[in-house]
Amino acid sequence: MAARKISKAPGTSASPHASRALSRVETLLRSGNLWLYIVSLASKGNIHAYTLPDQIERRFGFRPGRIMCYIVAYRLKAEGLLEVAGAGRRVYYKATVFGKRQLRAAKGIISKTASAL
């Protein structure tokens, strides 16, 4: 199975000539923390796992794989960060109160770390 290329975010300085170190940072901040993007979207309203790659690409500038989004959403539900908001074949997720708290805490950690840099 071929690896899926993650496109660069609009407005970033990453280019084909970017260093490997910068590429690693982008990879870790994007796919390495996919849960942040999913919980962020789910905190703004109900989301369907099938549409997550499109929504993440529009909002955050990169496109994760659909299966990875399903796996992460399933795990987030198991961890209590997401809950099911729908029935039948169409399952929607929404962020739980705990999920929103964890997102706020993660944003604080990211902000604090970025400020320290």
Protein backbone atom coordinates (compact mmCIF):
# COMPACT_ATOMS: atom_id res chain seq x y z
CA MET A 1 0.00 0.00 0.00
CA ALA A 2 1.49 3.34 -1.02
CA ALA A 3 1.87 6.05 1.57
CA ARG A 4 -0.52 8.92 1.17
CA LYS A 5 1.21 12.24 0.60
CA ILE A 6 0.15 14.96 2.97
CA SER A 7 -0.15 18.30 1.22
CA LYS A 8 1.32 21.41 2.78
CA ALA A 9 -0.91 23.81 4.62
CA PRO A 10 -1.75 27.05 2.86
CA GLY A 11 0.49 29.86 4.00
CA THR A 12 3.24 27.68 5.45
CA SER A 13 6.87 28.21 4.59
CA ALA A 14 7.39 24.56 3.74
CA SER A 15 8.56 24.07 0.21
CA PRO A 16 10.14 21.29 -1.81
CA HIS A 17 13.43 22.62 -0.41
CA ALA A 18 12.35 22.44 3.25
CA SER A 19 14.65 20.60 5.60
CA ARG A 20 13.90 17.13 6.86
CA ALA A 21 13.55 18.58 10.34
CA LEU A 22 10.79 20.93 9.19
CA SER A 23 9.07 18.06 7.38
CA ARG A 24 9.15 16.01 10.59
CA VAL A 25 7.57 18.87 12.54
CA GLU A 26 4.76 19.16 9.98
CA THR A 27 4.14 15.40 10.03
CA LEU A 28 4.02 15.26 13.82
CA LEU A 29 1.74 18.28 14.11
CA ARG A 30 -0.59 16.96 11.44
CA SER A 31 -0.98 13.21 11.28
CA GLY A 32 0.79 12.64 14.59
CA ASN A 33 -1.96 14.58 16.35
CA LEU A 34 -4.95 13.80 14.18
CA TRP A 35 -7.13 13.57 17.28
CA LEU A 36 -6.78 17.34 17.81
CA TYR A 37 -8.28 18.11 14.42
CA ILE A 38 -11.10 15.59 14.78
CA VAL A 39 -12.12 16.73 18.26
CA SER A 40 -11.88 20.37 17.13
CA LEU A 41 -14.31 19.71 14.27
CA ALA A 42 -16.59 17.63 16.51
CA SER A 43 -16.69 20.39 19.11
CA LYS A 44 -18.29 22.71 16.54
CA GLY A 45 -21.08 20.28 15.56
CA ASN A 46 -21.89 16.75 14.53
CA ILE A 47 -19.42 15.17 12.11
CA HIS A 48 -19.55 12.03 10.02
CA ALA A 49 -16.31 10.05 9.85
CA TYR A 50 -16.65 9.71 6.07
CA THR A 51 -16.37 13.48 5.58
CA LEU A 52 -13.45 14.01 7.97
CA PRO A 53 -10.66 14.00 5.34
CA ASP A 54 -12.46 16.68 3.32
CA GLN A 55 -13.24 18.80 6.38
CA ILE A 56 -9.67 18.52 7.70
CA GLU A 57 -8.24 19.45 4.33
CA ARG A 58 -10.52 22.51 4.04
CA ARG A 59 -9.93 23.73 7.57
CA PHE A 60 -6.36 22.68 8.36
CA GLY A 61 -4.70 22.32 4.94
CA PHE A 62 -3.79 18.63 4.84
CA ARG A 63 -5.66 15.47 3.94
CA PRO A 64 -5.39 12.39 6.15
CA GLY A 65 -6.48 8.98 4.93
CA ARG A 66 -10.13 8.04 5.37
CA ILE A 67 -9.36 4.77 7.16
CA MET A 68 -7.05 6.58 9.58
CA CYS A 69 -9.88 9.01 10.37
CA TYR A 70 -12.22 6.08 11.08
CA ILE A 71 -9.66 4.45 13.37
CA VAL A 72 -8.92 7.65 15.28
CA ALA A 73 -12.62 8.54 15.66
CA TYR A 74 -13.34 5.03 16.95
CA ARG A 75 -10.52 5.30 19.49
CA LEU A 76 -11.63 8.78 20.57
CA LYS A 77 -15.10 7.39 21.23
CA ALA A 78 -13.59 4.56 23.29
CA GLU A 79 -11.56 7.12 25.28
CA GLY A 80 -14.64 9.24 25.97
CA LEU A 81 -13.62 12.26 23.87
CA LEU A 82 -16.35 11.68 21.27
CA GLU A 83 -19.86 10.32 21.52
CA VAL A 84 -22.25 8.98 18.91
CA ALA A 85 -24.92 11.45 17.87
CA GLY A 86 -27.16 9.54 15.51
CA ALA A 87 -28.59 6.17 14.76
CA GLY A 88 -28.87 3.76 11.90
CA ARG A 89 -26.36 3.58 9.11
CA ARG A 90 -25.33 7.22 9.43
CA VAL A 91 -23.27 7.56 12.59
CA TYR A 92 -22.31 11.07 13.59
CA TYR A 93 -19.87 12.03 16.29
CA LYS A 94 -19.81 15.02 18.57
CA ALA A 95 -17.28 16.07 21.18
CA THR A 96 -18.07 15.25 24.78
CA VAL A 97 -17.51 17.73 27.59
CA PHE A 98 -14.40 15.72 28.47
CA GLY A 99 -13.25 15.88 24.83
CA LYS A 100 -13.64 19.67 24.76
CA ARG A 101 -11.67 19.96 28.02
CA GLN A 102 -8.89 17.77 26.62
CA LEU A 103 -8.79 19.87 23.43
CA ARG A 104 -8.47 23.09 25.46
CA ALA A 105 -5.68 21.54 27.53
CA ALA A 106 -3.84 20.38 24.40
CA LYS A 107 -4.15 23.85 22.84
CA GLY A 108 -2.67 25.31 26.03
CA ILE A 109 0.26 22.90 25.88
CA ILE A 110 0.87 23.75 22.22
CA SER A 111 0.67 27.49 22.93
CA LYS A 112 3.00 27.28 25.91
CA THR A 113 5.50 25.20 23.95
CA ALA A 114 5.36 27.51 20.93
CA SER A 115 5.90 30.54 23.17
CA ALA A 116 8.91 28.91 24.78
CA LEU A 117 10.48 28.39 21.36
